[in-house]
Each structure stands twice: as structure tokens, then as C-alpha cells.
C-alpha atoms as a PDB file:
ATOM      1  CA  MET A   1      30.724 -42.982  65.882  1.00  0.00           C
ATOM      2  CA  LYS A   2      27.832 -45.813  65.907  1.00  0.00           C
ATOM      3  CA  THR A   3      28.319 -46.915  62.280  1.00  0.00           C
ATOM      4  CA  LYS A   4      31.820 -46.592  62.651  1.00  0.00           C
ATOM      5  CA  TYR A   5      31.721 -48.823  65.699  1.00  0.00           C
ATOM      6  CA  LEU A   6      29.368 -51.138  64.095  1.00  0.00           C
ATOM      7  CA  PHE A   7      31.566 -51.487  60.694  1.00  0.00           C
ATOM      8  CA  ILE A   8      34.531 -52.563  62.989  1.00  0.00           C
ATOM      9  CA  LEU A   9      32.446 -55.212  64.923  1.00  0.00           C
ATOM     10  CA  ILE A  10      30.996 -56.786  61.609  1.00  0.00           C
ATOM     11  CA  ILE A  11      34.741 -57.309  60.809  1.00  0.00           C
ATOM     12  CA  LEU A  12      36.259 -58.403  63.697  1.00  0.00           C
ATOM     13  CA  ILE A  13      33.980 -60.866  65.121  1.00  0.00           C
ATOM     14  CA  SER A  14      33.366 -62.905  61.913  1.00  0.00           C
ATOM     15  CA  ILE A  15      34.017 -66.209  62.194  1.00  0.00           C
ATOM     16  CA  PRO A  16      36.805 -68.363  60.357  1.00  0.00           C
ATOM     17  CA  LEU A  17      33.840 -69.890  58.179  1.00  0.00           C
ATOM     18  CA  ALA A  18      32.339 -66.706  56.796  1.00  0.00           C
ATOM     19  CA  ALA A  19      35.944 -65.391  56.520  1.00  0.00           C
ATOM     20  CA  GLN A  20      36.775 -68.084  54.138  1.00  0.00           C
ATOM     21  CA  GLU A  21      34.280 -66.394  51.834  1.00  0.00           C
ATOM     22  CA  GLN A  22      35.639 -62.767  52.114  1.00  0.00           C
ATOM     23  CA  THR A  23      38.427 -61.729  49.502  1.00  0.00           C
ATOM     24  CA  THR A  24      41.732 -59.995  49.944  1.00  0.00           C
ATOM     25  CA  GLN A  25      39.448 -56.905  48.360  1.00  0.00           C
ATOM     26  CA  SER A  26      37.141 -56.727  51.541  1.00  0.00           C
ATOM     27  CA  TYR A  27      38.890 -53.102  51.843  1.00  0.00           C
ATOM     28  CA  LEU A  28      36.625 -52.072  49.077  1.00  0.00           C
ATOM     29  CA  ASN A  29      33.705 -52.326  51.275  1.00  0.00           C
ATOM     30  CA  ASN A  30      34.748 -50.266  54.034  1.00  0.00           C
ATOM     31  CA  PRO A  31      32.867 -46.777  53.512  1.00  0.00           C
ATOM     32  CA  ASN A  32      35.663 -44.727  55.050  1.00  0.00           C
ATOM     33  CA  TYR A  33      38.126 -46.113  52.588  1.00  0.00           C
ATOM     34  CA  LYS A  34      36.576 -44.364  49.407  1.00  0.00           C
ATOM     35  CA  LEU A  35      35.588 -41.273  51.655  1.00  0.00           C
ATOM     36  CA  GLN A  36      39.110 -40.427  52.814  1.00  0.00           C
ATOM     37  CA  THR A  37      40.870 -41.765  49.657  1.00  0.00           C
ATOM     38  CA  ASP A  38      38.205 -39.290  47.823  1.00  0.00           C
ATOM     39  CA  LEU A  39      39.508 -36.142  50.252  1.00  0.00           C
ATOM     40  CA  TYR A  40      43.110 -37.354  49.678  1.00  0.00           C
ATOM     41  CA  ASP A  41      42.681 -36.120  46.092  1.00  0.00           C
ATOM     42  CA  ILE A  42      41.329 -32.879  46.801  1.00  0.00           C
ATOM     43  CA  TYR A  43      44.064 -32.024  49.555  1.00  0.00           C
ATOM     44  CA  LYS A  44      46.302 -29.200  48.751  1.00  0.00           C
ATOM     45  CA  THR A  45      49.584 -30.849  50.358  1.00  0.00           C
ATOM     46  CA  SER A  46      51.853 -31.469  47.812  1.00  0.00           C
ATOM     47  CA  GLN A  47      55.096 -32.380  50.512  1.00  0.00           C
ATOM     48  CA  ALA A  48      55.333 -33.545  53.935  1.00  0.00           C
ATOM     49  CA  ASP A  49      58.871 -35.100  55.456  1.00  0.00           C
ATOM     50  CA  ILE A  50      56.920 -37.443  57.715  1.00  0.00           C
ATOM     51  CA  VAL A  51      53.594 -39.593  56.628  1.00  0.00           C
ATOM     52  CA  MET A  52      52.040 -42.107  59.374  1.00  0.00           C
ATOM     53  CA  LEU A  53      50.342 -44.684  57.469  1.00  0.00           C
ATOM     54  CA  GLY A  54      47.681 -47.190  59.360  1.00  0.00           C
ATOM     55  CA  ASN A  55      43.949 -47.581  60.135  1.00  0.00           C
ATOM     56  CA  SER A  56      41.682 -46.192  63.057  1.00  0.00           C
ATOM     57  CA  LEU A  57      44.426 -46.114  65.486  1.00  0.00           C
ATOM     58  CA  THR A  58      46.509 -43.995  63.231  1.00  0.00           C
ATOM     59  CA  GLN A  59      43.754 -41.743  62.378  1.00  0.00           C
ATOM     60  CA  GLY A  60      42.732 -40.890  65.222  1.00  0.00           C
ATOM     61  CA  VAL A  61      45.030 -38.259  66.277  1.00  0.00           C
ATOM     62  CA  ASN A  62      46.115 -34.895  65.234  1.00  0.00           C
ATOM     63  CA  TRP A  63      49.538 -36.086  64.736  1.00  0.00           C
ATOM     64  CA  ASN A  64      50.750 -32.267  63.804  1.00  0.00           C
ATOM     65  CA  GLU A  65      49.760 -31.517  67.564  1.00  0.00           C
ATOM     66  CA  LEU A  66      50.956 -34.447  68.835  1.00  0.00           C
ATOM     67  CA  LEU A  67      54.389 -34.045  67.854  1.00  0.00           C
ATOM     68  CA  GLY A  68      54.290 -30.462  68.213  1.00  0.00           C
ATOM     69  CA  ARG A  69      55.691 -30.140  64.808  1.00  0.00           C
ATOM     70  CA  SER A  70      54.674 -29.303  61.171  1.00  0.00           C
ATOM     71  CA  GLY A  71      55.473 -31.469  58.108  1.00  0.00           C
ATOM     72  CA  VAL A  72      53.288 -34.618  59.057  1.00  0.00           C
ATOM     73  CA  VAL A  73      50.526 -36.180  57.283  1.00  0.00           C
ATOM     74  CA  ASN A  74      48.054 -38.667  58.572  1.00  0.00           C
ATOM     75  CA  ARG A  75      47.204 -41.559  56.122  1.00  0.00           C
ATOM     76  CA  GLY A  76      45.112 -43.871  58.545  1.00  0.00           C
ATOM     77  CA  ILE A  77      41.662 -44.920  57.673  1.00  0.00           C
ATOM     78  CA  THR A  78      39.238 -46.591  59.977  1.00  0.00           C
ATOM     79  CA  SER A  79      39.063 -49.921  59.438  1.00  0.00           C
ATOM     80  CA  ASP A  80      41.469 -50.422  56.972  1.00  0.00           C
ATOM     81  CA  VAL A  81      43.598 -53.512  56.449  1.00  0.00           C
ATOM     82  CA  THR A  82      47.349 -53.938  55.114  1.00  0.00           C
ATOM     83  CA  GLN A  83      46.099 -54.542  51.306  1.00  0.00           C
ATOM     84  CA  GLY A  84      44.011 -51.712  51.685  1.00  0.00           C
ATOM     85  CA  PHE A  85      47.173 -49.931  52.642  1.00  0.00           C
ATOM     86  CA  LEU A  86      49.014 -51.335  49.593  1.00  0.00           C
ATOM     87  CA  SER A  87      46.275 -50.405  46.754  1.00  0.00           C
ATOM     88  CA  ARG A  88      46.582 -46.485  48.503  1.00  0.00           C
ATOM     89  CA  MET A  89      50.496 -46.213  48.749  1.00  0.00           C
ATOM     90  CA  GLN A  90      50.511 -43.715  45.890  1.00  0.00           C
ATOM     91  CA  TYR A  91      48.761 -41.203  48.490  1.00  0.00           C
ATOM     92  CA  VAL A  92      52.176 -41.817  50.543  1.00  0.00           C
ATOM     93  CA  TYR A  93      54.146 -41.384  47.196  1.00  0.00           C
ATOM     94  CA  LYS A  94      53.078 -38.409  45.996  1.00  0.00           C
ATOM     95  CA  LEU A  95      53.863 -36.322  49.081  1.00  0.00           C
ATOM     96  CA  LYS A  96      57.648 -37.410  49.036  1.00  0.00           C
ATOM     97  CA  PRO A  97      58.144 -37.783  52.555  1.00  0.00           C
ATOM     98  CA  LYS A  98      61.345 -38.871  53.901  1.00  0.00           C
ATOM     99  CA  ILE A  99      60.274 -41.248  56.785  1.00  0.00           C
ATOM    100  CA  CYS A 100      57.013 -43.382  56.742  1.00  0.00           C
ATOM    101  CA  PHE A 101      55.925 -44.457  59.856  1.00  0.00           C
ATOM    102  CA  ILE A 102      53.310 -48.234  59.297  1.00  0.00           C
ATOM    103  CA  MET A 103      50.909 -49.372  61.734  1.00  0.00           C
ATOM    104  CA  GLY A 104      48.296 -52.545  60.661  1.00  0.00           C
ATOM    105  CA  GLY A 105      47.362 -55.607  60.872  1.00  0.00           C
ATOM    106  CA  VAL A 106      44.807 -55.820  64.184  1.00  0.00           C
ATOM    107  CA  ASN A 107      41.752 -55.402  61.406  1.00  0.00           C
ATOM    108  CA  ASP A 108      43.484 -58.260  59.007  1.00  0.00           C
ATOM    109  CA  VAL A 109      43.645 -60.671  62.173  1.00  0.00           C
ATOM    110  CA  TYR A 110      39.985 -59.621  63.244  1.00  0.00           C
ATOM    111  CA  ASN A 111      39.276 -60.445  59.763  1.00  0.00           C
ATOM    112  CA  TRP A 112      40.945 -63.777  60.110  1.00  0.00           C
ATOM    113  CA  THR A 113      43.750 -63.054  57.089  1.00  0.00           C
ATOM    114  CA  PRO A 114      46.714 -65.178  57.565  1.00  0.00           C
ATOM    115  CA  VAL A 115      49.431 -63.847  59.562  1.00  0.00           C
ATOM    116  CA  GLN A 116      51.785 -64.715  56.749  1.00  0.00           C
ATOM    117  CA  THR A 117      49.283 -63.010  54.141  1.00  0.00           C
ATOM    118  CA  ILE A 118      49.498 -59.973  56.477  1.00  0.00           C
ATOM    119  CA  TYR A 119      53.625 -59.894  56.784  1.00  0.00           C
ATOM    120  CA  GLU A 120      53.955 -60.037  52.868  1.00  0.00           C
ATOM    121  CA  ASN A 121      51.714 -57.398  52.152  1.00  0.00           C
ATOM    122  CA  TYR A 122      54.187 -55.319  54.809  1.00  0.00           C
ATOM    123  CA  LEU A 123      57.215 -56.190  53.101  1.00  0.00           C
ATOM    124  CA  LYS A 124      55.451 -55.071  49.765  1.00  0.00           C
ATOM    125  CA  ILE A 125      54.609 -52.098  51.315  1.00  0.00           C
ATOM    126  CA  ILE A 126      58.295 -51.524  52.684  1.00  0.00           C
ATOM    127  CA  ALA A 127      59.807 -52.375  49.650  1.00  0.00           C
ATOM    128  CA  GLY A 128      57.776 -49.989  47.637  1.00  0.00           C
ATOM    129  CA  LEU A 129      58.949 -47.255  50.406  1.00  0.00           C
ATOM    130  CA  GLN A 130      62.249 -48.239  50.122  1.00  0.00           C
ATOM    131  CA  ALA A 131      62.012 -48.480  46.236  1.00  0.00           C
ATOM    132  CA  ARG A 132      61.301 -44.332  46.599  1.00  0.00           C
ATOM    133  CA  GLY A 133      64.065 -43.447  48.947  1.00  0.00           C
ATOM    134  CA  ILE A 134      61.535 -43.033  51.532  1.00  0.00           C
ATOM    135  CA  LYS A 135      62.613 -44.760  55.176  1.00  0.00           C
ATOM    136  CA  PRO A 136      60.020 -47.126  56.709  1.00  0.00           C
ATOM    137  CA  VAL A 137      59.311 -47.432  60.475  1.00  0.00           C
ATOM    138  CA  ILE A 138      57.922 -50.483  61.429  1.00  0.00           C
ATOM    139  CA  GLN A 139      55.162 -50.142  64.335  1.00  0.00           C
ATOM    140  CA  SER A 140      53.822 -53.620  66.164  1.00  0.00           C
ATOM    141  CA  ALA A 141      50.383 -54.100  66.064  1.00  0.00           C
ATOM    142  CA  LEU A 142      48.500 -53.755  69.234  1.00  0.00           C
ATOM    143  CA  TYR A 143      46.614 -56.030  71.438  1.00  0.00           C
ATOM    144  CA  ALA A 144      42.550 -55.420  71.950  1.00  0.00           C
ATOM    145  CA  GLY A 145      41.370 -55.302  75.347  1.00  0.00           C
ATOM    146  CA  LYS A 146      39.890 -58.516  76.929  1.00  0.00           C
ATOM    147  CA  ASP A 147      36.106 -57.014  76.694  1.00  0.00           C
ATOM    148  CA  TRP A 148      36.316 -55.749  73.070  1.00  0.00           C
ATOM    149  CA  GLY A 149      33.201 -55.932  71.023  1.00  0.00           C
ATOM    150  CA  LYS A 150      31.060 -57.795  74.456  1.00  0.00           C
ATOM    151  CA  ASP A 151      27.880 -55.509  73.483  1.00  0.00           C
ATOM    152  CA  TRP A 152      27.894 -56.812  69.691  1.00  0.00           C
ATOM    153  CA  LEU A 153      28.452 -60.485  70.646  1.00  0.00           C
ATOM    154  CA  ALA A 154      25.816 -60.180  73.319  1.00  0.00           C
ATOM    155  CA  VAL A 155      23.268 -59.396  71.263  1.00  0.00           C
ATOM    156  CA  ASN A 156      24.490 -61.192  68.038  1.00  0.00           C
ATOM    157  CA  ARG A 157      26.669 -63.992  69.285  1.00  0.00           C
ATOM    158  CA  PRO A 158      25.746 -64.603  72.583  1.00  0.00           C
ATOM    159  CA  GLU A 159      27.561 -67.979  72.625  1.00  0.00           C
ATOM    160  CA  LEU A 160      30.870 -66.625  72.206  1.00  0.00           C
ATOM    161  CA  LYS A 161      33.139 -64.983  75.303  1.00  0.00           C
ATOM    162  CA  PRO A 162      34.729 -61.748  74.394  1.00  0.00           C
ATOM    163  CA  ILE A 163      37.880 -62.461  76.215  1.00  0.00           C
ATOM    164  CA  GLU A 164      38.451 -65.976  74.486  1.00  0.00           C
ATOM    165  CA  VAL A 165      37.760 -64.141  71.106  1.00  0.00           C
ATOM    166  CA  ASN A 166      40.206 -61.598  71.979  1.00  0.00           C
ATOM    167  CA  GLU A 167      42.973 -63.555  73.656  1.00  0.00           C
ATOM    168  CA  GLY A 168      43.048 -65.882  70.414  1.00  0.00           C
ATOM    169  CA  ARG A 169      43.239 -62.793  68.286  1.00  0.00           C
ATOM    170  CA  ASN A 170      46.046 -61.668  70.148  1.00  0.00           C
ATOM    171  CA  LYS A 171      48.282 -64.411  69.909  1.00  0.00           C
ATOM    172  CA  GLU A 172      48.160 -63.849  66.125  1.00  0.00           C
ATOM    173  CA  ILE A 173      49.308 -60.138  66.878  1.00  0.00           C
ATOM    174  CA  ASP A 174      52.211 -61.591  69.058  1.00  0.00           C
ATOM    175  CA  VAL A 175      53.126 -64.181  66.136  1.00  0.00           C
ATOM    176  CA  LEU A 176      52.594 -61.120  63.217  1.00  0.00           C
ATOM    177  CA  ASN A 177      55.075 -58.745  65.685  1.00  0.00           C
ATOM    178  CA  THR A 178      58.014 -61.302  65.750  1.00  0.00           C
ATOM    179  CA  MET A 179      57.782 -61.808  62.030  1.00  0.00           C
ATOM    180  CA  LEU A 180      57.770 -57.882  62.119  1.00  0.00           C
ATOM    181  CA  GLU A 181      60.640 -57.233  64.719  1.00  0.00           C
ATOM    182  CA  ASN A 182      63.003 -60.077  63.155  1.00  0.00           C
ATOM    183  CA  PHE A 183      62.458 -58.714  59.590  1.00  0.00           C
ATOM    184  CA  ALA A 184      63.428 -55.126  61.023  1.00  0.00           C
ATOM    185  CA  LYS A 185      66.122 -56.438  62.981  1.00  0.00           C
ATOM    186  CA  GLN A 186      67.836 -58.737  59.762  1.00  0.00           C
ATOM    187  CA  ASN A 187      67.125 -55.330  57.464  1.00  0.00           C
ATOM    188  CA  ASN A 188      68.202 -52.506  59.623  1.00  0.00           C
ATOM    189  CA  ILE A 189      64.496 -50.560  59.606  1.00  0.00           C
ATOM    190  CA  ASP A 190      63.564 -49.086  62.714  1.00  0.00           C
ATOM    191  CA  TYR A 191      61.121 -50.814  64.728  1.00  0.00           C
ATOM    192  CA  ILE A 192      58.825 -48.997  67.535  1.00  0.00           C
ATOM    193  CA  ASP A 193      57.474 -52.114  69.715  1.00  0.00           C
ATOM    194  CA  LEU A 194      54.697 -50.099  71.054  1.00  0.00           C
ATOM    195  CA  ASN A 195      52.751 -53.093  72.061  1.00  0.00           C
ATOM    196  CA  SER A 196      55.055 -54.005  74.771  1.00  0.00           C
ATOM    197  CA  LEU A 197      54.606 -50.254  76.113  1.00  0.00           C
ATOM    198  CA  THR A 198      50.907 -50.849  76.169  1.00  0.00           C
ATOM    199  CA  LYS A 199      50.052 -54.520  77.137  1.00  0.00           C
ATOM    200  CA  ARG A 200      49.123 -55.932  80.573  1.00  0.00           C
ATOM    201  CA  GLY A 201      49.486 -59.638  80.520  1.00  0.00           C
ATOM    202  CA  LYS A 202      47.467 -60.988  77.410  1.00  0.00           C
ATOM    203  CA  PHE A 203      45.551 -57.593  76.717  1.00  0.00           C
ATOM    204  CA  ILE A 204      46.267 -53.607  75.976  1.00  0.00           C
ATOM    205  CA  LYS A 205      45.567 -52.024  79.263  1.00  0.00           C
ATOM    206  CA  ASP A 206      42.384 -50.702  79.917  1.00  0.00           C
ATOM    207  CA  GLU A 207      43.276 -47.300  81.051  1.00  0.00           C
ATOM    208  CA  LEU A 208      45.306 -46.394  77.843  1.00  0.00           C
ATOM    209  CA  VAL A 209      42.149 -47.366  75.517  1.00  0.00           C
ATOM    210  CA  TYR A 210      38.530 -45.845  75.747  1.00  0.00           C
ATOM    211  CA  ASP A 211      36.593 -48.694  73.889  1.00  0.00           C
ATOM    212  CA  GLY A 212      38.583 -51.554  74.445  1.00  0.00           C
ATOM    213  CA  ILE A 213      40.827 -51.220  71.245  1.00  0.00           C
ATOM    214  CA  HIS A 214      40.918 -47.481  70.541  1.00  0.00           C
ATOM    215  CA  LEU A 215      43.656 -45.210  72.331  1.00  0.00           C
ATOM    216  CA  ASN A 216      42.648 -42.530  74.640  1.00  0.00           C
ATOM    217  CA  ALA A 217      44.981 -40.082  75.251  1.00  0.00           C
ATOM    218  CA  ARG A 218      47.331 -41.325  77.688  1.00  0.00           C
ATOM    219  CA  GLY A 219      47.969 -44.095  75.181  1.00  0.00           C
ATOM    220  CA  TYR A 220      48.699 -41.707  72.295  1.00  0.00           C
ATOM    221  CA  LYS A 221      50.953 -39.669  74.525  1.00  0.00           C
ATOM    222  CA  ILE A 222      53.104 -43.031  74.965  1.00  0.00           C
ATOM    223  CA  TRP A 223      53.182 -43.557  70.810  1.00  0.00           C
ATOM    224  CA  GLY A 224      53.771 -39.894  70.289  1.00  0.00           C
ATOM    225  CA  ALA A 225      56.774 -40.080  72.429  1.00  0.00           C
ATOM    226  CA  GLU A 226      58.468 -43.066  70.463  1.00  0.00           C
ATOM    227  CA  VAL A 227      57.831 -41.557  67.281  1.00  0.00           C
ATOM    228  CA  ASP A 228      59.265 -38.551  68.298  1.00  0.00           C
ATOM    229  CA  LYS A 229      62.590 -40.335  69.686  1.00  0.00           C
ATOM    230  CA  ILE A 230      62.700 -42.052  65.828  1.00  0.00           C
ATOM    231  CA  LEU A 231      62.408 -38.492  64.689  1.00  0.00           C
ATOM    232  CA  LYS A 232      65.332 -37.093  66.723  1.00  0.00           C
ATOM    233  CA  LYS A 233      67.332 -39.955  65.822  1.00  0.00           C
ATOM    234  CA  TYR A 234      67.190 -38.799  62.319  1.00  0.00           C
ATOM    235  CA  GLY A 235      67.347 -35.320  62.744  1.00  0.00           C
ATOM    236  CA  LEU A 236      63.732 -34.455  61.508  1.00  0.00           C
END
């Protein structure tokens, strides 16, 4: 847990100058990425109707149990970014799902990836799914809490205030979510505005997260209910 937390903080609290030196291949520096994709290679599930694609927020719950149904595969990877999603889409395609729920963007935003780049990655992910007859569902990126990363900042960047860092990044999430929602409306794609259900003001609700950004049981209960609505809509 400490290793995961440190890795995420290293990504999230990067300053713009340092971020300019990073490349879109930063997902390859994520130890969780290789670990999980290696596991995908040995998993025996050959088909699943429902795939959950995302980062640690997606990985953090057992979707079969949350939704009370079989045929759901979790393809969330802690600290992953949308470029990383794109590079592992074969692990979605091989399952031949009927529907894929996509949740991502917060790690990109905290890695100072331009919102336009994140958006374009989303469009490529969606196009790849649709080309294979898989129904995409876009899920809004979630806010961080006002105190997210405060312990790391206190030691490593004491001149920075967590509330200011997180408010600034959440504004970028607003821009991304608006772009994604507009695209969904224009292209008749289902969109789950989970952020509106989990935020209070400019930050995620404290009672829905256990560390300022990762959902607890109350948060996942809200998310699961929204996913279930879409599945019932399509008779899944």
C-alpha cells in the first residue's frame, strides 16, 4: 500500500516544468502496469459481457460482487493513464464484451497531460471499441479531495498548499468532463456523470473516500448503482 501511495504521489504532485520532460509513455514506468498485464496473459477467462476499464478507482472493487452478477471483468490498473489504456486494449478486445465502461483521466491531469490529449485518447479508445461492436460507456473523471497528497507535500514540497494544487487540477477535470459529456451527447453514447454525484463544491466528498481520492464502500455503492442502471437498460 505504501509503495502504491508513493508512486501515485510522485505522479500527482509533479510540477509543470518537470512534466514537460515526461513523455506519453510514462505508463511504462508504472510497476503496476506490467504486473497486471502479465496477469492478464495468464487469466483463463475467455469471454465476458462486461468490462470495466480504468485506473485504481476501477481496480479497487470486486465488480462481480458489487453488481451481484457474473460475466464482469475488471481491467483497472492502479496509476494508469489513458495512453496506457490505449496500449492494452487488446486485453479488452480478446474478451469479446458487449459493453465496456471507461473511467480515466485523473492520473493524466495530475501528470500535467493536456486535456486535449486526454480527450483524443478517449476518442481513440471509443473508436476501437465501436469498430469491434463493443458498446462504450463514458464515465466522468472524479475530483480529488482538498487534502489529497498533503502528507507528501508537507515533507517534499512544503511551499505548496494541497487545497490549491487539488482545486487547480479539479478545474482541469471539469474541462475534460465537459468535453466528454458533449461528445457522448453528440454521438448517442451513454455517459455516467459520477462526478456530480460524488462532489461537494470544488472537491470530492470526504465521506466517500478513504484517503482523499480513492473511493470507500459508500462511494462504490453510488457508482455501482449507476452502472447497474446502464446494464438493465440494455438487458444485461
